[in-house]
């Protein structure tokens, strides 16, 4: 799936946080994959599944793409983002789940919950006939339906999309070196490219050294 052309006007730095947050960049699916095919795998597992991979490989972006897919299909869903160290659902999150019937819960960061809290989530989904699709850094109690696999080619396609908003100050060799340096972590790569873009957009001005009277001999 090819990322659509950007229609945004030029911006100061296209690697700013608002442009690289999950959902801001269209998820680029590998050959043969699409939102439909990933959701079909989810349905094949009785609407229970996990997207598994290390930090920064695009799990949240994939979940955002599936959220858009469900919205386009007018299918009921609930998108939940768990924050670092969150060990249990908040009362508000629980009420939101209890208000949904036969929809799909998209939960980002599921593995942060304590095992008992995860059990309660699964039990609540079963009682409300809800599908449960989560992201996690490693295997959890749900079938793995998709594992994002970033590559330097994918990284460059993402950067190409972002550069449509700005100036062509980042080359493919920059991306490949940065991707390798961060071990395939796309998020950390984009953070570093923000700094590199800033340096090239606003190169430091070398201080002028003026000759003082008496410094030049005759």
C-alpha atoms as a PDB file:
ATOM      1  CA  UNK A   1       0.000   0.000   0.000  1.00  0.00           C
ATOM      2  CA  UNK A   2       1.512   3.308  -1.041  1.00  0.00           C
ATOM      3  CA  UNK A   3       1.208   6.293   1.267  1.00  0.00           C
ATOM      4  CA  UNK A   4      -0.962   8.989  -0.330  1.00  0.00           C
ATOM      5  CA  UNK A   5       0.621  12.221  -1.484  1.00  0.00           C
ATOM      6  CA  UNK A   6       0.668  14.963   1.119  1.00  0.00           C
ATOM      7  CA  UNK A   7      -1.468  18.063   0.544  1.00  0.00           C
ATOM      8  CA  UNK A   8      -0.005  19.997   3.461  1.00  0.00           C
ATOM      9  CA  UNK A   9       1.791  23.298   2.921  1.00  0.00           C
ATOM     10  CA  UNK A  10       5.494  23.453   3.695  1.00  0.00           C
ATOM     11  CA  UNK A  11       6.309  23.312   7.394  1.00  0.00           C
ATOM     12  CA  UNK A  12       9.372  24.194   9.449  1.00  0.00           C
ATOM     13  CA  UNK A  13      10.274  20.603  10.386  1.00  0.00           C
ATOM     14  CA  UNK A  14       8.238  17.676   9.003  1.00  0.00           C
ATOM     15  CA  UNK A  15       9.699  15.388  11.702  1.00  0.00           C
ATOM     16  CA  UNK A  16       7.987  17.329  14.498  1.00  0.00           C
ATOM     17  CA  UNK A  17       6.006  15.252  16.990  1.00  0.00           C
ATOM     18  CA  UNK A  18       2.621  16.226  15.548  1.00  0.00           C
ATOM     19  CA  UNK A  19       3.592  14.778  12.162  1.00  0.00           C
ATOM     20  CA  UNK A  20       5.075  11.479  13.383  1.00  0.00           C
ATOM     21  CA  UNK A  21       2.619  10.508  16.123  1.00  0.00           C
ATOM     22  CA  UNK A  22       0.618   7.274  15.562  1.00  0.00           C
ATOM     23  CA  UNK A  23      -2.122   7.908  13.028  1.00  0.00           C
ATOM     24  CA  UNK A  24      -0.446  10.979  11.513  1.00  0.00           C
ATOM     25  CA  UNK A  25       1.545   8.868   9.042  1.00  0.00           C
ATOM     26  CA  UNK A  26      -0.516   6.410   6.962  1.00  0.00           C
ATOM     27  CA  UNK A  27       0.541   2.876   7.883  1.00  0.00           C
ATOM     28  CA  UNK A  28       2.396   1.293   4.965  1.00  0.00           C
ATOM     29  CA  UNK A  29       1.441  -2.367   4.804  1.00  0.00           C
ATOM     30  CA  UNK A  30       3.868  -4.930   3.393  1.00  0.00           C
ATOM     31  CA  UNK A  31       3.148  -6.550   0.042  1.00  0.00           C
ATOM     32  CA  UNK A  32       0.040  -8.704   0.231  1.00  0.00           C
ATOM     33  CA  UNK A  33      -1.250  -7.132   3.443  1.00  0.00           C
ATOM     34  CA  UNK A  34      -3.979  -4.555   3.968  1.00  0.00           C
ATOM     35  CA  UNK A  35      -6.371  -3.473   6.734  1.00  0.00           C
ATOM     36  CA  UNK A  36      -8.895  -5.941   5.309  1.00  0.00           C
ATOM     37  CA  UNK A  37      -6.490  -8.884   5.382  1.00  0.00           C
ATOM     38  CA  UNK A  38      -5.260  -8.142   8.918  1.00  0.00           C
ATOM     39  CA  UNK A  39      -8.815  -7.780  10.185  1.00  0.00           C
ATOM     40  CA  UNK A  40      -9.735 -11.036   8.432  1.00  0.00           C
ATOM     41  CA  UNK A  41      -7.005 -12.787  10.435  1.00  0.00           C
ATOM     42  CA  UNK A  42      -8.482 -11.219  13.560  1.00  0.00           C
ATOM     43  CA  UNK A  43     -11.943 -12.558  12.720  1.00  0.00           C
ATOM     44  CA  UNK A  44     -10.468 -16.014  12.051  1.00  0.00           C
ATOM     45  CA  UNK A  45      -9.260 -16.028  15.671  1.00  0.00           C
ATOM     46  CA  UNK A  46     -12.763 -15.379  17.032  1.00  0.00           C
ATOM     47  CA  UNK A  47     -11.992 -11.660  17.159  1.00  0.00           C
ATOM     48  CA  UNK A  48      -9.221 -12.074  19.697  1.00  0.00           C
ATOM     49  CA  UNK A  49      -5.675 -11.127  18.727  1.00  0.00           C
ATOM     50  CA  UNK A  50      -2.448  -9.263  19.346  1.00  0.00           C
ATOM     51  CA  UNK A  51      -0.079  -7.194  17.241  1.00  0.00           C
ATOM     52  CA  UNK A  52       3.341  -8.013  18.699  1.00  0.00           C
ATOM     53  CA  UNK A  53       6.709  -6.348  18.254  1.00  0.00           C
ATOM     54  CA  UNK A  54       9.379  -4.302  20.045  1.00  0.00           C
ATOM     55  CA  UNK A  55       9.136  -0.598  20.819  1.00  0.00           C
ATOM     56  CA  UNK A  56       9.009   1.727  17.830  1.00  0.00           C
ATOM     57  CA  UNK A  57       8.247  -0.710  14.992  1.00  0.00           C
ATOM     58  CA  UNK A  58       4.817   0.684  14.123  1.00  0.00           C
ATOM     59  CA  UNK A  59       2.330  -1.230  16.291  1.00  0.00           C
ATOM     60  CA  UNK A  60       0.432   1.906  17.324  1.00  0.00           C
ATOM     61  CA  UNK A  61       0.379   3.152  13.727  1.00  0.00           C
ATOM     62  CA  UNK A  62      -1.075  -0.182  12.594  1.00  0.00           C
ATOM     63  CA  UNK A  63      -3.770   0.023  15.260  1.00  0.00           C
ATOM     64  CA  UNK A  64      -4.586   3.558  14.072  1.00  0.00           C
ATOM     65  CA  UNK A  65      -4.973   2.229  10.506  1.00  0.00           C
ATOM     66  CA  UNK A  66      -7.356  -0.483  11.714  1.00  0.00           C
ATOM     67  CA  UNK A  67      -9.303   2.131  13.675  1.00  0.00           C
ATOM     68  CA  UNK A  68      -9.788   4.114  10.462  1.00  0.00           C
ATOM     69  CA  UNK A  69     -10.806   0.932   8.655  1.00  0.00           C
ATOM     70  CA  UNK A  70     -13.529   0.214  11.244  1.00  0.00           C
ATOM     71  CA  UNK A  71     -14.743   3.819  11.090  1.00  0.00           C
ATOM     72  CA  UNK A  72     -15.047   3.605   7.294  1.00  0.00           C
ATOM     73  CA  UNK A  73     -17.048   0.375   7.672  1.00  0.00           C
ATOM     74  CA  UNK A  74     -19.282   1.999  10.316  1.00  0.00           C
ATOM     75  CA  UNK A  75     -18.433  -0.811  12.717  1.00  0.00           C
ATOM     76  CA  UNK A  76     -18.582   0.060  16.438  1.00  0.00           C
ATOM     77  CA  UNK A  77     -15.211   0.180  18.190  1.00  0.00           C
ATOM     78  CA  UNK A  78     -13.427   1.619  21.191  1.00  0.00           C
ATOM     79  CA  UNK A  79      -9.816   2.764  20.966  1.00  0.00           C
ATOM     80  CA  UNK A  80      -7.867   2.795  24.235  1.00  0.00           C
ATOM     81  CA  UNK A  81      -4.291   3.933  24.887  1.00  0.00           C
ATOM     82  CA  UNK A  82      -2.709   2.682  28.083  1.00  0.00           C
ATOM     83  CA  UNK A  83       0.019   4.858  29.527  1.00  0.00           C
ATOM     84  CA  UNK A  84       3.428   3.783  30.831  1.00  0.00           C
ATOM     85  CA  UNK A  85       3.146   1.815  34.030  1.00  0.00           C
ATOM     86  CA  UNK A  86      -0.660   1.544  33.922  1.00  0.00           C
ATOM     87  CA  UNK A  87      -1.411  -1.693  35.752  1.00  0.00           C
ATOM     88  CA  UNK A  88      -5.226  -1.581  35.765  1.00  0.00           C
ATOM     89  CA  UNK A  89      -8.074  -0.060  33.795  1.00  0.00           C
ATOM     90  CA  UNK A  90      -9.333   3.248  35.082  1.00  0.00           C
ATOM     91  CA  UNK A  91     -13.007   3.384  36.155  1.00  0.00           C
ATOM     92  CA  UNK A  92     -13.683   5.595  33.126  1.00  0.00           C
ATOM     93  CA  UNK A  93     -12.096   3.064  30.736  1.00  0.00           C
ATOM     94  CA  UNK A  94     -14.158   0.289  32.267  1.00  0.00           C
ATOM     95  CA  UNK A  95     -17.360   2.297  31.868  1.00  0.00           C
ATOM     96  CA  UNK A  96     -16.497   2.944  28.220  1.00  0.00           C
ATOM     97  CA  UNK A  97     -16.068  -0.792  27.610  1.00  0.00           C
ATOM     98  CA  UNK A  98     -19.312  -1.610  29.400  1.00  0.00           C
ATOM     99  CA  UNK A  99     -21.158   0.860  27.165  1.00  0.00           C
ATOM    100  CA  UNK A 100     -20.145  -1.040  23.997  1.00  0.00           C
ATOM    101  CA  UNK A 101     -21.932  -4.121  22.687  1.00  0.00           C
ATOM    102  CA  UNK A 102     -20.640  -6.489  19.973  1.00  0.00           C
ATOM    103  CA  UNK A 103     -18.025  -3.998  18.813  1.00  0.00           C
ATOM    104  CA  UNK A 104     -14.230  -4.158  18.857  1.00  0.00           C
ATOM    105  CA  UNK A 105     -11.864  -2.918  21.547  1.00  0.00           C
ATOM    106  CA  UNK A 106      -8.514  -1.714  20.189  1.00  0.00           C
ATOM    107  CA  UNK A 107      -6.130  -1.545  23.152  1.00  0.00           C
ATOM    108  CA  UNK A 108      -2.660  -0.059  22.728  1.00  0.00           C
ATOM    109  CA  UNK A 109      -0.152  -1.194  25.382  1.00  0.00           C
ATOM    110  CA  UNK A 110      -2.125  -4.161  26.739  1.00  0.00           C
ATOM    111  CA  UNK A 111       0.931  -5.866  28.268  1.00  0.00           C
ATOM    112  CA  UNK A 112       1.284  -3.027  30.799  1.00  0.00           C
ATOM    113  CA  UNK A 113      -1.780  -4.283  32.660  1.00  0.00           C
ATOM    114  CA  UNK A 114      -1.320  -6.671  35.574  1.00  0.00           C
ATOM    115  CA  UNK A 115      -2.236 -10.270  34.683  1.00  0.00           C
ATOM    116  CA  UNK A 116      -5.400 -10.042  36.788  1.00  0.00           C
ATOM    117  CA  UNK A 117      -6.436  -6.828  35.009  1.00  0.00           C
ATOM    118  CA  UNK A 118      -5.851  -8.469  31.619  1.00  0.00           C
ATOM    119  CA  UNK A 119      -8.067 -11.352  32.692  1.00  0.00           C
ATOM    120  CA  UNK A 120     -10.786  -8.889  33.694  1.00  0.00           C
ATOM    121  CA  UNK A 121     -10.535  -7.186  30.293  1.00  0.00           C
ATOM    122  CA  UNK A 122     -10.906 -10.501  28.466  1.00  0.00           C
ATOM    123  CA  UNK A 123     -13.820 -11.549  30.684  1.00  0.00           C
ATOM    124  CA  UNK A 124     -15.591  -8.230  30.149  1.00  0.00           C
ATOM    125  CA  UNK A 125     -15.110  -8.537  26.375  1.00  0.00           C
ATOM    126  CA  UNK A 126     -16.586 -12.030  26.428  1.00  0.00           C
ATOM    127  CA  UNK A 127     -19.582 -10.867  28.448  1.00  0.00           C
ATOM    128  CA  UNK A 128     -20.231  -7.899  26.137  1.00  0.00           C
ATOM    129  CA  UNK A 129     -19.474  -9.947  22.979  1.00  0.00           C
ATOM    130  CA  UNK A 130     -16.606  -7.613  22.136  1.00  0.00           C
ATOM    131  CA  UNK A 131     -13.646  -8.336  19.924  1.00  0.00           C
ATOM    132  CA  UNK A 132     -10.279  -7.545  21.522  1.00  0.00           C
ATOM    133  CA  UNK A 133      -7.289  -6.482  19.421  1.00  0.00           C
ATOM    134  CA  UNK A 134      -4.233  -5.326  21.359  1.00  0.00           C
ATOM    135  CA  UNK A 135      -0.618  -4.303  20.916  1.00  0.00           C
ATOM    136  CA  UNK A 136       2.144  -5.803  23.032  1.00  0.00           C
ATOM    137  CA  UNK A 137       5.931  -5.999  23.070  1.00  0.00           C
ATOM    138  CA  UNK A 138       5.912  -9.773  23.520  1.00  0.00           C
ATOM    139  CA  UNK A 139       3.478 -12.696  23.422  1.00  0.00           C
ATOM    140  CA  UNK A 140       0.432 -12.355  25.673  1.00  0.00           C
ATOM    141  CA  UNK A 141      -2.642 -14.527  26.223  1.00  0.00           C
ATOM    142  CA  UNK A 142      -4.069 -13.721  22.787  1.00  0.00           C
ATOM    143  CA  UNK A 143      -3.190 -15.180  19.363  1.00  0.00           C
ATOM    144  CA  UNK A 144      -0.546 -13.212  17.454  1.00  0.00           C
ATOM    145  CA  UNK A 145      -2.164 -12.040  14.201  1.00  0.00           C
ATOM    146  CA  UNK A 146       0.464  -9.603  12.952  1.00  0.00           C
ATOM    147  CA  UNK A 147       4.101  -8.740  13.601  1.00  0.00           C
ATOM    148  CA  UNK A 148       5.312  -5.467  12.050  1.00  0.00           C
ATOM    149  CA  UNK A 149       8.707  -5.947  10.399  1.00  0.00           C
ATOM    150  CA  UNK A 150      10.393  -2.599   9.692  1.00  0.00           C
ATOM    151  CA  UNK A 151      13.069  -2.369   7.012  1.00  0.00           C
ATOM    152  CA  UNK A 152      15.297   0.377   5.655  1.00  0.00           C
ATOM    153  CA  UNK A 153      13.076   0.483   2.551  1.00  0.00           C
ATOM    154  CA  UNK A 154       9.976   1.032   4.686  1.00  0.00           C
ATOM    155  CA  UNK A 155      11.852   3.670   6.703  1.00  0.00           C
ATOM    156  CA  UNK A 156      12.728   5.548   3.521  1.00  0.00           C
ATOM    157  CA  UNK A 157       9.123   5.434   2.276  1.00  0.00           C
ATOM    158  CA  UNK A 158       7.988   6.974   5.567  1.00  0.00           C
ATOM    159  CA  UNK A 159      10.640   9.693   5.329  1.00  0.00           C
ATOM    160  CA  UNK A 160       9.695  10.394   1.690  1.00  0.00           C
ATOM    161  CA  UNK A 161       6.104  10.943   2.800  1.00  0.00           C
ATOM    162  CA  UNK A 162       7.178  13.347   5.556  1.00  0.00           C
ATOM    163  CA  UNK A 163       9.567  15.271   3.312  1.00  0.00           C
ATOM    164  CA  UNK A 164       6.645  16.240   1.076  1.00  0.00           C
ATOM    165  CA  UNK A 165       5.735  18.651   3.871  1.00  0.00           C
ATOM    166  CA  UNK A 166       9.195  20.225   4.026  1.00  0.00           C
ATOM    167  CA  UNK A 167      12.497  20.532   2.206  1.00  0.00           C
ATOM    168  CA  UNK A 168      14.585  17.651   0.724  1.00  0.00           C
ATOM    169  CA  UNK A 169      17.247  17.909   3.405  1.00  0.00           C
ATOM    170  CA  UNK A 170      17.395  14.198   4.279  1.00  0.00           C
ATOM    171  CA  UNK A 171      18.904  11.660   1.862  1.00  0.00           C
ATOM    172  CA  UNK A 172      18.281   7.936   1.681  1.00  0.00           C
ATOM    173  CA  UNK A 173      21.783   7.198   2.997  1.00  0.00           C
ATOM    174  CA  UNK A 174      20.947   9.301   6.087  1.00  0.00           C
ATOM    175  CA  UNK A 175      17.873   7.179   6.663  1.00  0.00           C
ATOM    176  CA  UNK A 176      19.687   3.872   6.175  1.00  0.00           C
ATOM    177  CA  UNK A 177      22.463   4.868   8.580  1.00  0.00           C
ATOM    178  CA  UNK A 178      20.004   6.130  11.177  1.00  0.00           C
ATOM    179  CA  UNK A 179      17.748   3.074  10.818  1.00  0.00           C
ATOM    180  CA  UNK A 180      20.750   0.793  11.374  1.00  0.00           C
ATOM    181  CA  UNK A 181      22.008   2.854  14.312  1.00  0.00           C
ATOM    182  CA  UNK A 182      18.672   2.458  16.119  1.00  0.00           C
ATOM    183  CA  UNK A 183      18.287  -1.236  15.344  1.00  0.00           C
ATOM    184  CA  UNK A 184      15.091  -0.826  13.330  1.00  0.00           C
ATOM    185  CA  UNK A 185      13.338   1.391  15.884  1.00  0.00           C
ATOM    186  CA  UNK A 186      11.426   3.726  13.574  1.00  0.00           C
ATOM    187  CA  UNK A 187      10.362   6.073  16.344  1.00  0.00           C
ATOM    188  CA  UNK A 188      13.899   6.700  17.593  1.00  0.00           C
ATOM    189  CA  UNK A 189      15.056   7.049  13.982  1.00  0.00           C
ATOM    190  CA  UNK A 190      12.508   9.803  13.356  1.00  0.00           C
ATOM    191  CA  UNK A 191      13.571  11.597  16.540  1.00  0.00           C
ATOM    192  CA  UNK A 192      17.162  11.669  15.332  1.00  0.00           C
ATOM    193  CA  UNK A 193      16.120  12.816  11.869  1.00  0.00           C
ATOM    194  CA  UNK A 194      14.306  15.739  13.479  1.00  0.00           C
ATOM    195  CA  UNK A 195      17.632  16.936  14.907  1.00  0.00           C
ATOM    196  CA  UNK A 196      19.475  16.353  11.632  1.00  0.00           C
ATOM    197  CA  UNK A 197      16.813  18.263   9.691  1.00  0.00           C
ATOM    198  CA  UNK A 198      17.071  21.170  12.143  1.00  0.00           C
ATOM    199  CA  UNK A 199      20.849  21.352  11.716  1.00  0.00           C
ATOM    200  CA  UNK A 200      20.581  21.392   7.936  1.00  0.00           C
ATOM    201  CA  UNK A 201      17.692  23.835   7.890  1.00  0.00           C
ATOM    202  CA  UNK A 202      19.395  26.226  10.302  1.00  0.00           C
ATOM    203  CA  UNK A 203      23.135  25.594  10.015  1.00  0.00           C
ATOM    204  CA  UNK A 204      25.149  27.187  12.826  1.00  0.00           C
ATOM    205  CA  UNK A 205      26.679  30.509  11.887  1.00  0.00           C
ATOM    206  CA  UNK A 206      30.426  30.620  12.299  1.00  0.00           C
ATOM    207  CA  UNK A 207      31.494  33.588  14.426  1.00  0.00           C
ATOM    208  CA  UNK A 208      33.234  36.375  12.561  1.00  0.00           C
ATOM    209  CA  UNK A 209      36.757  37.022  13.744  1.00  0.00           C
ATOM    210  CA  UNK A 210      37.694  40.639  13.160  1.00  0.00           C
ATOM    211  CA  UNK A 211      41.291  41.798  13.150  1.00  0.00           C
ATOM    212  CA  UNK A 212      42.127  44.110  16.012  1.00  0.00           C
ATOM    213  CA  UNK A 213      44.316  47.150  15.591  1.00  0.00           C
ATOM    214  CA  UNK A 214      47.923  46.133  15.887  1.00  0.00           C
ATOM    215  CA  UNK A 215      47.315  42.469  14.994  1.00  0.00           C
ATOM    216  CA  UNK A 216      48.546  42.966  11.428  1.00  0.00           C
ATOM    217  CA  UNK A 217      52.199  43.944  11.143  1.00  0.00           C
ATOM    218  CA  UNK A 218      53.792  46.029   8.352  1.00  0.00           C
END
